[in-house]
Amino acid sequence: MTFEERIEDYKKNSKYGEYRIELLIELETDNILGFCIAYSKSVSGKIEVLFVDEKYRRNRFGLKLMNSAVEWFKEKQVDDIELIVVYGNEAVSFYQKLGFYPRSIIMTTKS
C-alpha cells in the first residue's frame, strides 16, 4: 500500500474516531522525512505509525513528532495512549524514554 493509499484509508475510517497526520517535509526537495499518524476515540489514543526515513534518524525528528502527537492527545483530554512495536525493534528504548512501557505481549506462530 502506498503512502497516499494509506492516508485515504485512514480518512475513510475516521468516522469511528479522529485521526491526526503530521508530516515532516524537506522544503527544498519535497521529500517526506518522517510522519506520525495518531488516532483518538473518546478517552483513548493510539500512535498508529511513527516513521522517520533512515537517512534522517538521530536528528530528533521522531521526538518532535511524538511530542506533537502527545500534545494533541492532551488537548483532547486523552490520558491512555498506546502504540504497538514489533519485537526486537530498536525504537523500544526510545518509546520507554518517553514514558511508554510494555503492558502486554502478543504472540504469533511463524508463517
PDB file of N, CA and C in Angstrom:
ATOM      1  N   MET A   1       0.849  -1.173   0.000  1.00  0.00           N
ATOM      2  CA  MET A   1       0.000   0.000   0.000  1.00  0.00           C
ATOM      3  C   MET A   1       0.899   1.243   0.000  1.00  0.00           C
ATOM      4  N   THR A   2       0.632   2.164  -0.892  1.00  0.00           N
ATOM      5  CA  THR A   2       1.425   3.394  -0.949  1.00  0.00           C
ATOM      6  C   THR A   2       1.047   4.312   0.210  1.00  0.00           C
ATOM      7  N   PHE A   3       1.877   5.304   0.434  1.00  0.00           N
ATOM      8  CA  PHE A   3       1.600   6.272   1.497  1.00  0.00           C
ATOM      9  C   PHE A   3       0.273   6.972   1.240  1.00  0.00           C
ATOM     10  N   GLU A   4       0.037   7.378  -0.003  1.00  0.00           N
ATOM     11  CA  GLU A   4      -1.200   8.078  -0.354  1.00  0.00           C
ATOM     12  C   GLU A   4      -2.420   7.187  -0.123  1.00  0.00           C
ATOM     13  N   GLU A   5      -2.307   5.894  -0.480  1.00  0.00           N
ATOM     14  CA  GLU A   5      -3.412   4.959  -0.261  1.00  0.00           C
ATOM     15  C   GLU A   5      -3.670   4.771   1.234  1.00  0.00           C
ATOM     16  N   ARG A   6      -2.599   4.723   2.010  1.00  0.00           N
ATOM     17  CA  ARG A   6      -2.745   4.576   3.459  1.00  0.00           C
ATOM     18  C   ARG A   6      -3.480   5.784   4.041  1.00  0.00           C
ATOM     19  N   ILE A   7      -3.133   6.991   3.580  1.00  0.00           N
ATOM     20  CA  ILE A   7      -3.797   8.207   4.067  1.00  0.00           C
ATOM     21  C   ILE A   7      -5.285   8.158   3.741  1.00  0.00           C
ATOM     22  N   GLU A   8      -5.625   7.753   2.520  1.00  0.00           N
ATOM     23  CA  GLU A   8      -7.034   7.655   2.126  1.00  0.00           C
ATOM     24  C   GLU A   8      -7.774   6.640   3.000  1.00  0.00           C
ATOM     25  N   ASP A   9      -7.109   5.534   3.313  1.00  0.00           N
ATOM     26  CA  ASP A   9      -7.706   4.518   4.174  1.00  0.00           C
ATOM     27  C   ASP A   9      -7.991   5.086   5.564  1.00  0.00           C
ATOM     28  N   TYR A  10      -7.053   5.847   6.104  1.00  0.00           N
ATOM     29  CA  TYR A  10      -7.271   6.476   7.412  1.00  0.00           C
ATOM     30  C   TYR A  10      -8.425   7.470   7.352  1.00  0.00           C
ATOM     31  N   LYS A  11      -8.515   8.227   6.264  1.00  0.00           N
ATOM     32  CA  LYS A  11      -9.616   9.189   6.133  1.00  0.00           C
ATOM     33  C   LYS A  11     -10.969   8.483   6.133  1.00  0.00           C
ATOM     34  N   LYS A  12     -11.061   7.349   5.442  1.00  0.00           N
ATOM     35  CA  LYS A  12     -12.311   6.590   5.398  1.00  0.00           C
ATOM     36  C   LYS A  12     -12.707   6.102   6.780  1.00  0.00           C
ATOM     37  N   ASN A  13     -11.727   5.663   7.552  1.00  0.00           N
ATOM     38  CA  ASN A  13     -12.007   5.107   8.878  1.00  0.00           C
ATOM     39  C   ASN A  13     -12.166   6.168   9.952  1.00  0.00           C
ATOM     40  N   SER A  14     -11.958   7.423   9.611  1.00  0.00           N
ATOM     41  CA  SER A  14     -12.007   8.477  10.625  1.00  0.00           C
ATOM     42  C   SER A  14     -13.404   8.680  11.204  1.00  0.00           C
ATOM     43  N   LYS A  15     -14.428   8.118  10.582  1.00  0.00           N
ATOM     44  CA  LYS A  15     -15.776   8.251  11.132  1.00  0.00           C
ATOM     45  C   LYS A  15     -15.911   7.535  12.475  1.00  0.00           C
ATOM     46  N   TYR A  16     -14.976   6.633  12.772  1.00  0.00           N
ATOM     47  CA  TYR A  16     -15.005   5.906  14.043  1.00  0.00           C
ATOM     48  C   TYR A  16     -14.221   6.618  15.133  1.00  0.00           C
ATOM     49  N   GLY A  17     -13.504   7.633  14.778  1.00  0.00           N
ATOM     50  CA  GLY A  17     -12.686   8.398  15.708  1.00  0.00           C
ATOM     51  C   GLY A  17     -12.057   9.537  14.927  1.00  0.00           C
ATOM     52  N   GLU A  18     -10.989  10.080  15.450  1.00  0.00           N
ATOM     53  CA  GLU A  18     -10.332  11.204  14.787  1.00  0.00           C
ATOM     54  C   GLU A  18      -8.860  10.878  14.566  1.00  0.00           C
ATOM     55  N   TYR A  19      -8.411  11.054  13.340  1.00  0.00           N
ATOM     56  CA  TYR A  19      -7.008  10.838  13.002  1.00  0.00           C
ATOM     57  C   TYR A  19      -6.287  12.170  12.882  1.00  0.00           C
ATOM     58  N   ARG A  20      -5.016  12.144  13.227  1.00  0.00           N
ATOM     59  CA  ARG A  20      -4.147  13.313  13.064  1.00  0.00           C
ATOM     60  C   ARG A  20      -2.896  12.821  12.359  1.00  0.00           C
ATOM     61  N   ILE A  21      -2.584  13.425  11.239  1.00  0.00           N
ATOM     62  CA  ILE A  21      -1.420  13.033  10.450  1.00  0.00           C
ATOM     63  C   ILE A  21      -0.489  14.226  10.368  1.00  0.00           C
ATOM     64  N   GLU A  22       0.733  14.039  10.850  1.00  0.00           N
ATOM     65  CA  GLU A  22       1.728  15.110  10.794  1.00  0.00           C
ATOM     66  C   GLU A  22       2.893  14.634   9.940  1.00  0.00           C
ATOM     67  N   LEU A  23       3.284  15.480   9.007  1.00  0.00           N
ATOM     68  CA  LEU A  23       4.397  15.173   8.109  1.00  0.00           C
ATOM     69  C   LEU A  23       5.552  16.121   8.362  1.00  0.00           C
ATOM     70  N   LEU A  24       6.766  15.607   8.250  1.00  0.00           N
ATOM     71  CA  LEU A  24       7.960  16.452   8.207  1.00  0.00           C
ATOM     72  C   LEU A  24       8.470  16.390   6.779  1.00  0.00           C
ATOM     73  N   ILE A  25       8.480  17.534   6.111  1.00  0.00           N
ATOM     74  CA  ILE A  25       8.849  17.584   4.696  1.00  0.00           C
ATOM     75  C   ILE A  25      10.037  18.507   4.512  1.00  0.00           C
ATOM     76  N   GLU A  26      11.017  18.036   3.745  1.00  0.00           N
ATOM     77  CA  GLU A  26      12.166  18.869   3.406  1.00  0.00           C
ATOM     78  C   GLU A  26      11.720  19.860   2.332  1.00  0.00           C
ATOM     79  N   LEU A  27      11.810  21.138   2.624  1.00  0.00           N
ATOM     80  CA  LEU A  27      11.267  22.160   1.726  1.00  0.00           C
ATOM     81  C   LEU A  27      11.956  22.190   0.368  1.00  0.00           C
ATOM     82  N   GLU A  28      13.258  21.988   0.342  1.00  0.00           N
ATOM     83  CA  GLU A  28      13.991  22.085  -0.927  1.00  0.00           C
ATOM     84  C   GLU A  28      13.625  20.977  -1.903  1.00  0.00           C
ATOM     85  N   THR A  29      13.345  19.775  -1.385  1.00  0.00           N
ATOM     86  CA  THR A  29      13.109  18.626  -2.263  1.00  0.00           C
ATOM     87  C   THR A  29      11.688  18.081  -2.210  1.00  0.00           C
ATOM     88  N   ASP A  30      10.896  18.538  -1.258  1.00  0.00           N
ATOM     89  CA  ASP A  30       9.553  17.997  -1.002  1.00  0.00           C
ATOM     90  C   ASP A  30       9.577  16.536  -0.555  1.00  0.00           C
ATOM     91  N   ASN A  31      10.738  16.026  -0.140  1.00  0.00           N
ATOM     92  CA  ASN A  31      10.823  14.661   0.375  1.00  0.00           C
ATOM     93  C   ASN A  31      10.194  14.591   1.760  1.00  0.00           C
ATOM     94  N   ILE A  32       9.484  13.503   2.013  1.00  0.00           N
ATOM     95  CA  ILE A  32       8.930  13.268   3.343  1.00  0.00           C
ATOM     96  C   ILE A  32      10.040  12.680   4.203  1.00  0.00           C
ATOM     97  N   LEU A  33      10.419  13.413   5.262  1.00  0.00           N
ATOM     98  CA  LEU A  33      11.470  12.954   6.169  1.00  0.00           C
ATOM     99  C   LEU A  33      10.904  12.002   7.209  1.00  0.00           C
ATOM    100  N   GLY A  34       9.660  12.234   7.581  1.00  0.00           N
ATOM    101  CA  GLY A  34       9.019  11.389   8.578  1.00  0.00           C
ATOM    102  C   GLY A  34       7.571  11.770   8.743  1.00  0.00           C
ATOM    103  N   PHE A  35       6.831  10.922   9.453  1.00  0.00           N
ATOM    104  CA  PHE A  35       5.432  11.225   9.720  1.00  0.00           C
ATOM    105  C   PHE A  35       4.957  10.459  10.944  1.00  0.00           C
ATOM    106  N   CYS A  36       3.894  10.964  11.513  1.00  0.00           N
ATOM    107  CA  CYS A  36       3.255  10.315  12.653  1.00  0.00           C
ATOM    108  C   CYS A  36       1.749  10.335  12.411  1.00  0.00           C
ATOM    109  N   ILE A  37       1.138   9.175  12.566  1.00  0.00           N
ATOM    110  CA  ILE A  37      -0.309   9.065  12.445  1.00  0.00           C
ATOM    111  C   ILE A  37      -0.848   8.668  13.815  1.00  0.00           C
ATOM    112  N   ALA A  38      -1.678   9.528  14.377  1.00  0.00           N
ATOM    113  CA  ALA A  38      -2.246   9.298  15.703  1.00  0.00           C
ATOM    114  C   ALA A  38      -3.762   9.204  15.577  1.00  0.00           C
ATOM    115  N   TYR A  39      -4.363   8.429  16.472  1.00  0.00           N
ATOM    116  CA  TYR A  39      -5.793   8.176  16.437  1.00  0.00           C
ATOM    117  C   TYR A  39      -6.385   8.407  17.822  1.00  0.00           C
ATOM    118  N   SER A  40      -7.519   9.050  17.863  1.00  0.00           N
ATOM    119  CA  SER A  40      -8.189   9.320  19.136  1.00  0.00           C
ATOM    120  C   SER A  40      -9.648   8.909  19.034  1.00  0.00           C
ATOM    121  N   LYS A  41     -10.097   8.185  20.050  1.00  0.00           N
ATOM    122  CA  LYS A  41     -11.510   7.829  20.140  1.00  0.00           C
ATOM    123  C   LYS A  41     -11.895   7.900  21.603  1.00  0.00           C
ATOM    124  N   SER A  42     -12.791   8.803  21.913  1.00  0.00           N
ATOM    125  CA  SER A  42     -13.247   9.016  23.279  1.00  0.00           C
ATOM    126  C   SER A  42     -12.067   9.399  24.161  1.00  0.00           C
ATOM    127  N   VAL A  43     -11.738   8.590  25.161  1.00  0.00           N
ATOM    128  CA  VAL A  43     -10.651   8.949  26.082  1.00  0.00           C
ATOM    129  C   VAL A  43      -9.381   8.133  25.843  1.00  0.00           C
ATOM    130  N   SER A  44      -9.335   7.380  24.747  1.00  0.00           N
ATOM    131  CA  SER A  44      -8.132   6.597  24.466  1.00  0.00           C
ATOM    132  C   SER A  44      -7.510   7.043  23.149  1.00  0.00           C
ATOM    133  N   GLY A  45      -6.210   6.854  23.057  1.00  0.00           N
ATOM    134  CA  GLY A  45      -5.490   7.247  21.857  1.00  0.00           C
ATOM    135  C   GLY A  45      -4.483   6.191  21.464  1.00  0.00           C
ATOM    136  N   LYS A  46      -4.065   6.258  20.222  1.00  0.00           N
ATOM    137  CA  LYS A  46      -3.107   5.283  19.715  1.00  0.00           C
ATOM    138  C   LYS A  46      -2.185   5.959  18.711  1.00  0.00           C
ATOM    139  N   ILE A  47      -0.901   5.692  18.853  1.00  0.00           N
ATOM    140  CA  ILE A  47       0.051   6.082  17.819  1.00  0.00           C
ATOM    141  C   ILE A  47       0.012   4.947  16.810  1.00  0.00           C
ATOM    142  N   GLU A  48      -0.590   5.185  15.670  1.00  0.00           N
ATOM    143  CA  GLU A  48      -0.716   4.145  14.648  1.00  0.00           C
ATOM    144  C   GLU A  48       0.623   3.897  13.964  1.00  0.00           C
ATOM    145  N   VAL A  49       1.284   4.982  13.586  1.00  0.00           N
ATOM    146  CA  VAL A  49       2.549   4.868  12.858  1.00  0.00           C
ATOM    147  C   VAL A  49       3.447   6.025  13.253  1.00  0.00           C
ATOM    148  N   LEU A  50       4.707   5.712  13.493  1.00  0.00           N
ATOM    149  CA  LEU A  50       5.750   6.731  13.606  1.00  0.00           C
ATOM    150  C   LEU A  50       6.858   6.276  12.682  1.00  0.00           C
ATOM    151  N   PHE A  51       7.194   7.121  11.728  1.00  0.00           N
ATOM    152  CA  PHE A  51       8.230   6.757  10.764  1.00  0.00           C
ATOM    153  C   PHE A  51       9.133   7.948  10.523  1.00  0.00           C
ATOM    154  N   VAL A  52      10.438   7.693  10.553  1.00  0.00           N
ATOM    155  CA  VAL A  52      11.434   8.677  10.139  1.00  0.00           C
ATOM    156  C   VAL A  52      12.354   7.966   9.160  1.00  0.00           C
ATOM    157  N   ASP A  53      12.537   8.562   7.986  1.00  0.00           N
ATOM    158  CA  ASP A  53      13.425   7.992   6.974  1.00  0.00           C
ATOM    159  C   ASP A  53      14.786   7.706   7.601  1.00  0.00           C
ATOM    160  N   GLU A  54      15.331   6.549   7.283  1.00  0.00           N
ATOM    161  CA  GLU A  54      16.592   6.105   7.884  1.00  0.00           C
ATOM    162  C   GLU A  54      17.710   7.140   7.761  1.00  0.00           C
ATOM    163  N   LYS A  55      17.741   7.865   6.649  1.00  0.00           N
ATOM    164  CA  LYS A  55      18.794   8.881   6.438  1.00  0.00           C
ATOM    165  C   LYS A  55      18.689  10.037   7.422  1.00  0.00           C
ATOM    166  N   TYR A  56      17.510  10.236   8.010  1.00  0.00           N
ATOM    167  CA  TYR A  56      17.278  11.401   8.867  1.00  0.00           C
ATOM    168  C   TYR A  56      17.098  11.038  10.343  1.00  0.00           C
ATOM    169  N   ARG A  57      17.332   9.776  10.677  1.00  0.00           N
ATOM    170  CA  ARG A  57      17.210   9.362  12.078  1.00  0.00           C
ATOM    171  C   ARG A  57      18.352   9.940  12.899  1.00  0.00           C
ATOM    172  N   ARG A  58      18.143   9.992  14.193  1.00  0.00           N
ATOM    173  CA  ARG A  58      19.114  10.538  15.156  1.00  0.00           C
ATOM    174  C   ARG A  58      19.248  12.056  15.021  1.00  0.00           C
ATOM    175  N   ASN A  59      18.220  12.691  14.458  1.00  0.00           N
ATOM    176  CA  ASN A  59      18.156  14.151  14.360  1.00  0.00           C
ATOM    177  C   ASN A  59      16.999  14.713  15.178  1.00  0.00           C
ATOM    178  N   ARG A  60      16.438  13.888  16.051  1.00  0.00           N
ATOM    179  CA  ARG A  60      15.350  14.269  16.948  1.00  0.00           C
ATOM    180  C   ARG A  60      14.009  14.493  16.233  1.00  0.00           C
ATOM    181  N   PHE A  61      13.904  14.048  14.981  1.00  0.00           N
ATOM    182  CA  PHE A  61      12.633  14.195  14.274  1.00  0.00           C
ATOM    183  C   PHE A  61      11.559  13.301  14.892  1.00  0.00           C
ATOM    184  N   GLY A  62      11.929  12.083  15.290  1.00  0.00           N
ATOM    185  CA  GLY A  62      10.973  11.190  15.946  1.00  0.00           C
ATOM    186  C   GLY A  62      10.458  11.787  17.242  1.00  0.00           C
ATOM    187  N   LEU A  63      11.360  12.392  17.998  1.00  0.00           N
ATOM    188  CA  LEU A  63      10.978  13.042  19.254  1.00  0.00           C
ATOM    189  C   LEU A  63      10.020  14.199  18.990  1.00  0.00           C
ATOM    190  N   LYS A  64      10.302  14.983  17.970  1.00  0.00           N
ATOM    191  CA  LYS A  64       9.431  16.113  17.609  1.00  0.00           C
ATOM    192  C   LYS A  64       8.028  15.611  17.244  1.00  0.00           C
ATOM    193  N   LEU A  65       7.968  14.564  16.435  1.00  0.00           N
ATOM    194  CA  LEU A  65       6.676  14.018  16.023  1.00  0.00           C
ATOM    195  C   LEU A  65       5.909  13.428  17.209  1.00  0.00           C
ATOM    196  N   MET A  66       6.602  12.686  18.060  1.00  0.00           N
ATOM    197  CA  MET A  66       5.945  12.078  19.224  1.00  0.00           C
ATOM    198  C   MET A  66       5.450  13.145  20.198  1.00  0.00           C
ATOM    199  N   ASN A  67       6.275  14.138  20.480  1.00  0.00           N
ATOM    200  CA  ASN A  67       5.856  15.208  21.395  1.00  0.00           C
ATOM    201  C   ASN A  67       4.633  15.940  20.864  1.00  0.00           C
ATOM    202  N   SER A  68       4.602  16.155  19.561  1.00  0.00           N
ATOM    203  CA  SER A  68       3.466  16.831  18.945  1.00  0.00           C
ATOM    204  C   SER A  68       2.194  15.984  19.080  1.00  0.00           C
ATOM    205  N   ALA A  69       2.316  14.678  18.865  1.00  0.00           N
ATOM    206  CA  ALA A  69       1.158  13.788  18.990  1.00  0.00           C
ATOM    207  C   ALA A  69       0.671  13.737  20.436  1.00  0.00           C
ATOM    208  N   VAL A  70       1.588  13.630  21.384  1.00  0.00           N
ATOM    209  CA  VAL A  70       1.210  13.584  22.799  1.00  0.00           C
ATOM    210  C   VAL A  70       0.520  14.887  23.204  1.00  0.00           C
ATOM    211  N   GLU A  71       0.997  16.002  22.697  1.00  0.00           N
ATOM    212  CA  GLU A  71       0.366  17.297  22.977  1.00  0.00           C
ATOM    213  C   GLU A  71      -1.063  17.320  22.428  1.00  0.00           C
ATOM    214  N   TRP A  72      -1.261  16.776  21.226  1.00  0.00           N
ATOM    215  CA  TRP A  72      -2.595  16.691  20.630  1.00  0.00           C
ATOM    216  C   TRP A  72      -3.521  15.850  21.517  1.00  0.00           C
ATOM    217  N   PHE A  73      -2.997  14.717  22.010  1.00  0.00           N
ATOM    218  CA  PHE A  73      -3.801  13.883  22.908  1.00  0.00           C
ATOM    219  C   PHE A  73      -4.183  14.647  24.173  1.00  0.00           C
ATOM    220  N   LYS A  74      -3.254  15.410  24.722  1.00  0.00           N
ATOM    221  CA  LYS A  74      -3.548  16.198  25.928  1.00  0.00           C
ATOM    222  C   LYS A  74      -4.660  17.203  25.663  1.00  0.00           C
ATOM    223  N   GLU A  75      -4.613  17.861  24.501  1.00  0.00           N
ATOM    224  CA  GLU A  75      -5.652  18.827  24.135  1.00  0.00           C
ATOM    225  C   GLU A  75      -7.018  18.157  24.060  1.00  0.00           C
ATOM    226  N   LYS A  76      -7.037  16.889  23.658  1.00  0.00           N
ATOM    227  CA  LYS A  76      -8.284  16.138  23.538  1.00  0.00           C
ATOM    228  C   LYS A  76      -8.641  15.417  24.835  1.00  0.00           C
ATOM    229  N   GLN A  77      -7.856  15.661  25.885  1.00  0.00           N
ATOM    230  CA  GLN A  77      -8.046  15.048  27.204  1.00  0.00           C
ATOM    231  C   GLN A  77      -7.971  13.522  27.141  1.00  0.00           C
ATOM    232  N   VAL A  78      -7.038  13.036  26.339  1.00  0.00           N
ATOM    233  CA  VAL A  78      -6.766  11.606  26.227  1.00  0.00           C
ATOM    234  C   VAL A  78      -5.573  11.291  27.117  1.00  0.00           C
ATOM    235  N   ASP A  79      -5.788  10.412  28.086  1.00  0.00           N
ATOM    236  CA  ASP A  79      -4.717  10.048  29.017  1.00  0.00           C
ATOM    237  C   ASP A  79      -4.106   8.687  28.702  1.00  0.00           C
ATOM    238  N   ASP A  80      -4.875   7.801  28.110  1.00  0.00           N
ATOM    239  CA  ASP A  80      -4.419   6.444  27.832  1.00  0.00           C
ATOM    240  C   ASP A  80      -3.965   6.359  26.376  1.00  0.00           C
ATOM    241  N   ILE A  81      -2.656   6.346  26.156  1.00  0.00           N
ATOM    242  CA  ILE A  81      -2.087   6.311  24.806  1.00  0.00           C
ATOM    243  C   ILE A  81      -1.334   4.998  24.649  1.00  0.00           C
ATOM    244  N   GLU A  82      -1.587   4.314  23.555  1.00  0.00           N
ATOM    245  CA  GLU A  82      -0.862   3.070  23.301  1.00  0.00           C
ATOM    246  C   GLU A  82      -0.204   3.104  21.932  1.00  0.00           C
ATOM    247  N   LEU A  83       0.778   2.249  21.781  1.00  0.00           N
ATOM    248  CA  LEU A  83       1.392   2.023  20.480  1.00  0.00           C
ATOM    249  C   LEU A  83       1.871   0.587  20.453  1.00  0.00           C
ATOM    250  N   ILE A  84       1.996   0.038  19.276  1.00  0.00           N
ATOM    251  CA  ILE A  84       2.457  -1.339  19.112  1.00  0.00           C
ATOM    252  C   ILE A  84       3.811  -1.304  18.424  1.00  0.00           C
ATOM    253  N   VAL A  85       4.750  -2.032  19.007  1.00  0.00           N
ATOM    254  CA  VAL A  85       6.108  -2.096  18.469  1.00  0.00           C
ATOM    255  C   VAL A  85       6.436  -3.558  18.207  1.00  0.00           C
ATOM    256  N   VAL A  86       7.002  -3.836  17.063  1.00  0.00           N
ATOM    257  CA  VAL A  86       7.405  -5.197  16.729  1.00  0.00           C
ATOM    258  C   VAL A  86       8.546  -5.628  17.646  1.00  0.00           C
ATOM    259  N   TYR A  87       8.491  -6.855  18.112  1.00  0.00           N
ATOM    260  CA  TYR A  87       9.520  -7.401  18.998  1.00  0.00           C
ATOM    261  C   TYR A  87      10.905  -7.211  18.373  1.00  0.00           C
ATOM    262  N   GLY A  88      11.834  -6.710  19.151  1.00  0.00           N
ATOM    263  CA  GLY A  88      13.203  -6.514  18.674  1.00  0.00           C
ATOM    264  C   GLY A  88      13.435  -5.178  17.987  1.00  0.00           C
ATOM    265  N   ASN A  89      12.396  -4.369  17.838  1.00  0.00           N
ATOM    266  CA  ASN A  89      12.540  -3.065  17.190  1.00  0.00           C
ATOM    267  C   ASN A  89      13.444  -2.174  18.042  1.00  0.00           C
ATOM    268  N   GLU A  90      14.411  -1.548  17.395  1.00  0.00           N
ATOM    269  CA  GLU A  90      15.359  -0.695  18.123  1.00  0.00           C
ATOM    270  C   GLU A  90      14.700   0.532  18.748  1.00  0.00           C
ATOM    271  N   ALA A  91      13.471   0.838  18.352  1.00  0.00           N
ATOM    272  CA  ALA A  91      12.783   2.020  18.880  1.00  0.00           C
ATOM    273  C   ALA A  91      12.186   1.789  20.269  1.00  0.00           C
ATOM    274  N   VAL A  92      12.218   0.560  20.775  1.00  0.00           N
ATOM    275  CA  VAL A  92      11.623   0.280  22.084  1.00  0.00           C
ATOM    276  C   VAL A  92      12.217   1.185  23.158  1.00  0.00           C
ATOM    277  N   SER A  93      13.530   1.320  23.191  1.00  0.00           N
ATOM    278  CA  SER A  93      14.156   2.165  24.221  1.00  0.00           C
ATOM    279  C   SER A  93      13.762   3.635  24.037  1.00  0.00           C
ATOM    280  N   PHE A  94      13.586   4.067  22.795  1.00  0.00           N
ATOM    281  CA  PHE A  94      13.128   5.430  22.504  1.00  0.00           C
ATOM    282  C   PHE A  94      11.750   5.659  23.129  1.00  0.00           C
ATOM    283  N   TYR A  95      10.828   4.713  22.914  1.00  0.00           N
ATOM    284  CA  TYR A  95       9.482   4.845  23.462  1.00  0.00           C
ATOM    285  C   TYR A  95       9.494   4.789  24.988  1.00  0.00           C
ATOM    286  N   GLN A  96      10.356   3.955  25.556  1.00  0.00           N
ATOM    287  CA  GLN A  96      10.438   3.868  27.015  1.00  0.00           C
ATOM    288  C   GLN A  96      10.912   5.188  27.618  1.00  0.00           C
ATOM    289  N   LYS A  97      11.826   5.863  26.955  1.00  0.00           N
ATOM    290  CA  LYS A  97      12.290   7.171  27.437  1.00  0.00           C
ATOM    291  C   LYS A  97      11.161   8.199  27.435  1.00  0.00           C
ATOM    292  N   LEU A  98      10.168   7.985  26.581  1.00  0.00           N
ATOM    293  CA  LEU A  98       9.023   8.893  26.504  1.00  0.00           C
ATOM    294  C   LEU A  98       7.904   8.501  27.473  1.00  0.00           C
ATOM    295  N   GLY A  99       8.138   7.469  28.280  1.00  0.00           N
ATOM    296  CA  GLY A  99       7.158   7.080  29.284  1.00  0.00           C
ATOM    297  C   GLY A  99       6.278   5.898  28.920  1.00  0.00           C
ATOM    298  N   PHE A 100       6.498   5.292  27.764  1.00  0.00           N
ATOM    299  CA  PHE A 100       5.727   4.113  27.382  1.00  0.00           C
ATOM    300  C   PHE A 100       6.372   2.882  28.009  1.00  0.00           C
ATOM    301  N   TYR A 101       5.554   1.896  28.321  1.00  0.00           N
ATOM    302  CA  TYR A 101       6.077   0.663  28.905  1.00  0.00           C
ATOM    303  C   TYR A 101       5.283  -0.520  28.347  1.00  0.00           C
ATOM    304  N   PRO A 102       5.892  -1.705  28.327  1.00  0.00           N
ATOM    305  CA  PRO A 102       5.171  -2.880  27.822  1.00  0.00           C
ATOM    306  C   PRO A 102       4.049  -3.263  28.781  1.00  0.00           C
ATOM    307  N   ARG A 103       2.855  -3.434  28.241  1.00  0.00           N
ATOM    308  CA  ARG A 103       1.716  -3.817  29.068  1.00  0.00           C
ATOM    309  C   ARG A 103       1.227  -5.220  28.714  1.00  0.00           C
ATOM    310  N   SER A 104       1.424  -5.623  27.472  1.00  0.00           N
ATOM    311  CA  SER A 104       1.030  -6.972  27.068  1.00  0.00           C
ATOM    312  C   SER A 104       1.958  -7.436  25.951  1.00  0.00           C
ATOM    313  N   ILE A 105       1.984  -8.730  25.764  1.00  0.00           N
ATOM    314  CA  ILE A 105       2.790  -9.312  24.693  1.00  0.00           C
ATOM    315  C   ILE A 105       1.843 -10.081  23.786  1.00  0.00           C
ATOM    316  N   ILE A 106       1.902  -9.814  22.505  1.00  0.00           N
ATOM    317  CA  ILE A 106       1.102 -10.541  21.525  1.00  0.00           C
ATOM    318  C   ILE A 106       2.028 -11.559  20.875  1.00  0.00           C
ATOM    319  N   MET A 107       1.635 -12.812  20.914  1.00  0.00           N
ATOM    320  CA  MET A 107       2.473 -13.864  20.354  1.00  0.00           C
ATOM    321  C   MET A 107       1.771 -14.463  19.144  1.00  0.00           C
ATOM    322  N   THR A 108       2.545 -14.812  18.132  1.00  0.00           N
ATOM    323  CA  THR A 108       2.003 -15.419  16.922  1.00  0.00           C
ATOM    324  C   THR A 108       2.848 -16.629  16.543  1.00  0.00           C
ATOM    325  N   THR A 109       2.318 -17.429  15.643  1.00  0.00           N
ATOM    326  CA  THR A 109       3.093 -18.540  15.104  1.00  0.00           C
ATOM    327  C   THR A 109       3.906 -18.043  13.926  1.00  0.00           C
ATOM    328  N   LYS A 110       4.976 -18.741  13.629  1.00  0.00           N
ATOM    329  CA  LYS A 110       5.771 -18.375  12.454  1.00  0.00           C
ATOM    330  C   LYS A 110       5.014 -18.789  11.211  1.00  0.00           C
ATOM    331  N   SER A 111       5.112 -17.964  10.181  1.00  0.00           N
ATOM    332  CA  SER A 111       4.414 -18.321   8.937  1.00  0.00           C
ATOM    333  C   SER A 111       5.405 -18.654   7.859  1.00  0.00           C
TER     334      SER A 111
END
